[in-house]
Amino acid sequence: MCSKKRNSGNDEVFREALRKAYAERAKLFVRSIRDRDIRGLINSVSVHQSHEFQWDLQELGVAQSAFDKLVELGIQPHMVFCHPDVIDADPQAMAYYRNLAAVSAKGLNQMVRGLKGVDRKRASIQVINQILSSIIEETEPFDLALIQAVIPAEIGTEIQGTWVNIIGQGAAKRVQAIITNFVVVDENRALVLKRLHCGSAKNSPRFLLTFYYML
């Protein structure tokens, strides 16, 4: 009977620790989504009209078949394909196109590594448009709402990466305090560690990493 009560207490502690950890993760997501201003990204592009721009498809890295498909669907090409004039008008538009192509900032930097200035900008536009071209050519049915839905998905992936990095670097002092509070208060709570197969050392990095990589 005592054993059952003890296990029940451990389960309660474990659930509460998870709840608080997930709450910290949720707050990070909300703050990051707010700061990324997805609506603002879309507006930075939608204020333009495609007929305002010259479309040298080869220079821009745009496949002719993909461009024609957008025109046939009644989608303004600049709402999908990155154009330098849009970027010049509002530099944050690059984030719109990059996220549309599901490319992280780090990933794009890796693909244009070693390039600077105009060459870097041109290469960035080309690689994004090449990826977007392949998406358009191979996706049926295709529409603007579908491709724009990738933006929050990609941002969410980047935020998750930020969360994992915070944990891995041991930078989340508040989160560590939450975990420590629940696993070292007394002997019964320390048993939570055993459920995660992490030993019983106070503030164990291995424990913290194992716990959070479950998230």
Protein backbone atom coordinates (compact mmCIF):
# COMPACT_ATOMS: atom_id res chain seq x y z
CA MET A 1 0.00 0.00 0.00
CA CYS A 2 2.80 2.39 0.93
CA SER A 3 4.57 1.48 -2.29
CA LYS A 4 1.49 2.39 -4.32
CA LYS A 5 1.19 5.75 -2.55
CA ARG A 6 4.88 6.42 -3.14
CA ASN A 7 4.58 5.60 -6.85
CA SER A 8 1.50 7.79 -7.12
CA GLY A 9 3.42 10.66 -5.54
CA ASN A 10 6.31 10.15 -7.94
CA ASP A 11 3.94 10.17 -10.91
CA GLU A 12 2.43 13.44 -9.73
CA VAL A 13 5.87 15.02 -9.36
CA PHE A 14 6.91 13.76 -12.77
CA ARG A 15 3.76 15.11 -14.46
CA GLU A 16 4.15 18.50 -12.79
CA ALA A 17 7.79 18.73 -13.87
CA LEU A 18 6.77 17.93 -17.44
CA ARG A 19 3.95 20.47 -17.34
CA LYS A 20 6.28 23.26 -16.23
CA ALA A 21 8.88 22.33 -18.82
CA TYR A 22 6.28 22.30 -21.61
CA ALA A 23 4.99 25.66 -20.36
CA GLU A 24 8.48 27.16 -20.77
CA ARG A 25 8.67 25.68 -24.28
CA ALA A 26 5.23 27.08 -25.17
CA LYS A 27 6.22 30.56 -23.99
CA LEU A 28 9.31 30.42 -26.19
CA PHE A 29 7.15 29.49 -29.20
CA VAL A 30 4.63 32.28 -28.55
CA ARG A 31 7.32 34.93 -28.08
CA SER A 32 9.17 33.81 -31.20
CA ILE A 33 6.07 33.66 -33.40
CA ARG A 34 5.10 37.15 -32.20
CA ASP A 35 8.58 38.51 -32.95
CA ARG A 36 8.74 36.90 -36.42
CA ASP A 37 5.53 38.75 -37.43
CA ILE A 38 4.29 36.37 -40.12
CA ARG A 39 1.56 38.76 -41.19
CA GLY A 40 4.17 41.46 -41.67
CA LEU A 41 6.30 39.13 -43.81
CA ILE A 42 3.39 38.41 -46.13
CA ASN A 43 2.47 42.10 -46.33
CA SER A 44 6.04 43.01 -47.29
CA VAL A 45 5.50 41.08 -50.52
CA SER A 46 1.78 41.43 -51.20
CA VAL A 47 1.96 45.25 -51.52
CA HIS A 48 3.60 44.76 -54.93
CA GLN A 49 2.31 43.64 -58.32
CA SER A 50 4.26 41.21 -60.49
CA HIS A 51 3.91 43.37 -63.61
CA GLU A 52 6.10 45.97 -61.87
CA PHE A 53 9.14 43.74 -62.30
CA GLN A 54 11.31 42.37 -65.10
CA TRP A 55 11.44 38.57 -65.00
CA ASP A 56 14.74 37.18 -66.30
CA LEU A 57 13.94 33.62 -65.28
CA GLN A 58 17.39 32.17 -65.90
CA GLU A 59 19.08 34.93 -63.91
CA LEU A 60 16.59 34.48 -61.07
CA GLY A 61 16.89 30.68 -60.97
CA VAL A 62 13.22 30.21 -61.87
CA ALA A 63 12.12 27.23 -63.96
CA GLN A 64 10.01 28.26 -66.95
CA SER A 65 7.49 25.48 -66.37
CA ALA A 66 7.00 26.55 -62.74
CA PHE A 67 6.56 30.20 -63.73
CA ASP A 68 4.01 29.27 -66.39
CA LYS A 69 2.11 27.12 -63.91
CA LEU A 70 1.72 30.06 -61.52
CA VAL A 71 0.45 32.29 -64.33
CA GLU A 72 -2.06 29.62 -65.41
CA LEU A 73 -3.29 29.32 -61.81
CA GLY A 74 -3.71 33.09 -61.56
CA ILE A 75 -1.02 33.42 -58.88
CA GLN A 76 1.19 36.49 -59.08
CA PRO A 77 4.74 35.14 -59.51
CA HIS A 78 6.30 37.54 -57.01
CA MET A 79 4.11 36.02 -54.26
CA VAL A 80 6.10 32.80 -54.67
CA PHE A 81 9.35 33.57 -56.47
CA CYS A 82 11.96 35.78 -54.86
CA HIS A 83 12.63 38.95 -56.84
CA PRO A 84 15.52 41.35 -56.06
CA ASP A 85 13.30 44.42 -56.47
CA VAL A 86 11.01 43.16 -53.71
CA ILE A 87 14.02 42.59 -51.46
CA ASP A 88 15.37 46.06 -52.23
CA ALA A 89 12.02 47.61 -51.28
CA ASP A 90 11.87 45.70 -47.99
CA PRO A 91 14.80 43.50 -46.86
CA GLN A 92 12.57 41.48 -44.51
CA ALA A 93 10.90 40.04 -47.61
CA MET A 94 13.89 37.69 -47.88
CA ALA A 95 12.64 35.95 -44.74
CA TYR A 96 9.26 35.50 -46.45
CA TYR A 97 10.78 33.71 -49.45
CA ARG A 98 13.27 31.74 -47.37
CA ASN A 99 10.55 30.39 -45.09
CA LEU A 100 8.30 29.75 -48.09
CA ALA A 101 11.03 27.43 -49.40
CA ALA A 102 11.41 25.82 -45.95
CA VAL A 103 15.05 26.91 -45.76
CA SER A 104 16.48 27.94 -42.40
CA ALA A 105 18.66 31.02 -42.08
CA LYS A 106 21.56 28.73 -41.19
CA GLY A 107 20.88 26.50 -44.18
CA LEU A 108 20.81 29.42 -46.59
CA ASN A 109 24.05 30.81 -45.16
CA GLN A 110 25.70 27.44 -45.73
CA MET A 111 24.57 27.35 -49.37
CA VAL A 112 26.02 30.79 -50.13
CA ARG A 113 29.08 30.53 -47.92
CA GLY A 114 32.10 32.42 -49.20
CA LEU A 115 30.08 34.85 -51.29
CA LYS A 116 29.68 38.52 -50.46
CA GLY A 117 27.70 41.55 -51.53
CA VAL A 118 25.84 41.36 -54.83
CA ASP A 119 27.06 37.83 -55.54
CA ARG A 120 25.71 36.59 -52.21
CA LYS A 121 22.35 38.23 -52.80
CA ARG A 122 22.10 36.79 -56.33
CA ALA A 123 23.04 33.29 -55.16
CA SER A 124 20.54 33.45 -52.29
CA ILE A 125 17.73 34.41 -54.67
CA GLN A 126 18.68 31.70 -57.13
CA VAL A 127 18.87 28.86 -54.63
CA ILE A 128 15.55 29.82 -53.05
CA ASN A 129 13.86 30.04 -56.44
CA GLN A 130 15.33 26.73 -57.56
CA ILE A 131 13.86 25.03 -54.51
CA LEU A 132 10.50 26.76 -55.00
CA SER A 133 10.48 25.79 -58.68
CA SER A 134 10.88 22.12 -57.81
CA ILE A 135 8.06 22.38 -55.25
CA ILE A 136 5.69 23.96 -57.78
CA GLU A 137 6.54 21.46 -60.52
CA GLU A 138 6.01 18.42 -58.31
CA THR A 139 3.01 19.51 -56.20
CA GLU A 140 -0.52 18.78 -57.39
CA PRO A 141 -2.77 20.51 -56.72
CA PHE A 142 -0.78 23.65 -55.99
CA ASP A 143 -2.10 26.92 -54.61
CA LEU A 144 -0.78 29.99 -52.79
CA ALA A 145 -2.45 29.14 -49.47
CA LEU A 146 -0.70 25.76 -49.44
CA ILE A 147 2.79 27.15 -49.99
CA GLN A 148 2.26 30.01 -47.53
CA ALA A 149 1.28 27.48 -44.87
CA VAL A 150 4.91 26.33 -45.00
CA ILE A 151 6.02 29.65 -43.46
CA PRO A 152 4.79 29.00 -39.87
CA ALA A 153 5.82 25.36 -40.21
CA GLU A 154 9.42 26.34 -41.02
CA ILE A 155 9.47 28.98 -38.30
CA GLY A 156 8.23 26.36 -35.82
CA THR A 157 11.07 24.06 -36.85
CA GLU A 158 13.60 26.82 -36.20
CA ILE A 159 12.07 27.60 -32.81
CA GLN A 160 12.30 23.94 -31.84
CA GLY A 161 15.96 24.04 -32.81
CA THR A 162 16.42 27.07 -30.58
CA TRP A 163 14.76 25.20 -27.70
CA VAL A 164 17.06 22.22 -28.09
CA ASN A 165 20.12 24.49 -28.29
CA ILE A 166 19.12 26.30 -25.11
CA ILE A 167 18.92 22.98 -23.31
CA GLY A 168 22.11 21.55 -24.80
CA GLN A 169 24.15 24.61 -23.86
CA GLY A 170 22.83 24.63 -20.32
CA ALA A 171 21.70 28.23 -20.79
CA ALA A 172 18.17 27.78 -19.46
CA LYS A 173 18.83 28.52 -15.79
CA ARG A 174 15.16 28.95 -15.00
CA VAL A 175 14.30 25.62 -16.55
CA GLN A 176 17.12 23.86 -14.70
CA ALA A 177 15.81 25.31 -11.45
CA ILE A 178 12.37 23.88 -12.17
CA ILE A 179 13.75 20.38 -12.73
CA THR A 180 16.08 20.51 -9.73
CA ASN A 181 13.23 21.62 -7.51
CA PHE A 182 11.18 18.56 -8.40
CA VAL A 183 13.83 15.85 -8.28
CA VAL A 184 16.01 16.66 -5.29
CA VAL A 185 13.53 17.91 -2.72
CA ASP A 186 13.36 14.54 -0.99
CA GLU A 187 14.16 10.88 -1.46
CA ASN A 188 10.81 10.05 -3.04
CA ARG A 189 11.10 12.75 -5.65
CA ALA A 190 14.63 11.70 -6.46
CA LEU A 191 13.14 8.43 -7.68
CA VAL A 192 11.91 10.34 -10.73
CA LEU A 193 15.50 10.26 -11.93
CA LYS A 194 15.45 6.48 -12.02
CA ARG A 195 12.43 6.55 -14.29
CA LEU A 196 14.53 8.47 -16.78
CA HIS A 197 17.55 6.17 -16.25
CA CYS A 198 19.76 9.08 -15.35
CA GLY A 199 21.20 8.24 -11.95
CA SER A 200 20.59 10.49 -8.97
CA ALA A 201 23.21 13.22 -9.13
CA LYS A 202 21.96 16.69 -8.31
CA ASN A 203 21.84 18.99 -11.37
CA SER A 204 23.10 16.14 -13.54
CA PRO A 205 23.67 17.43 -17.12
CA ARG A 206 22.84 13.96 -18.37
CA PHE A 207 19.51 14.10 -16.56
CA LEU A 208 18.66 17.53 -17.95
CA LEU A 209 19.54 16.56 -21.50
CA THR A 210 17.63 13.28 -21.36
CA PHE A 211 14.59 14.94 -19.84
CA TYR A 212 14.42 17.73 -22.37
CA TYR A 213 15.24 15.75 -25.46
CA MET A 214 11.99 13.92 -24.67
CA LEU A 215 10.26 17.21 -25.53
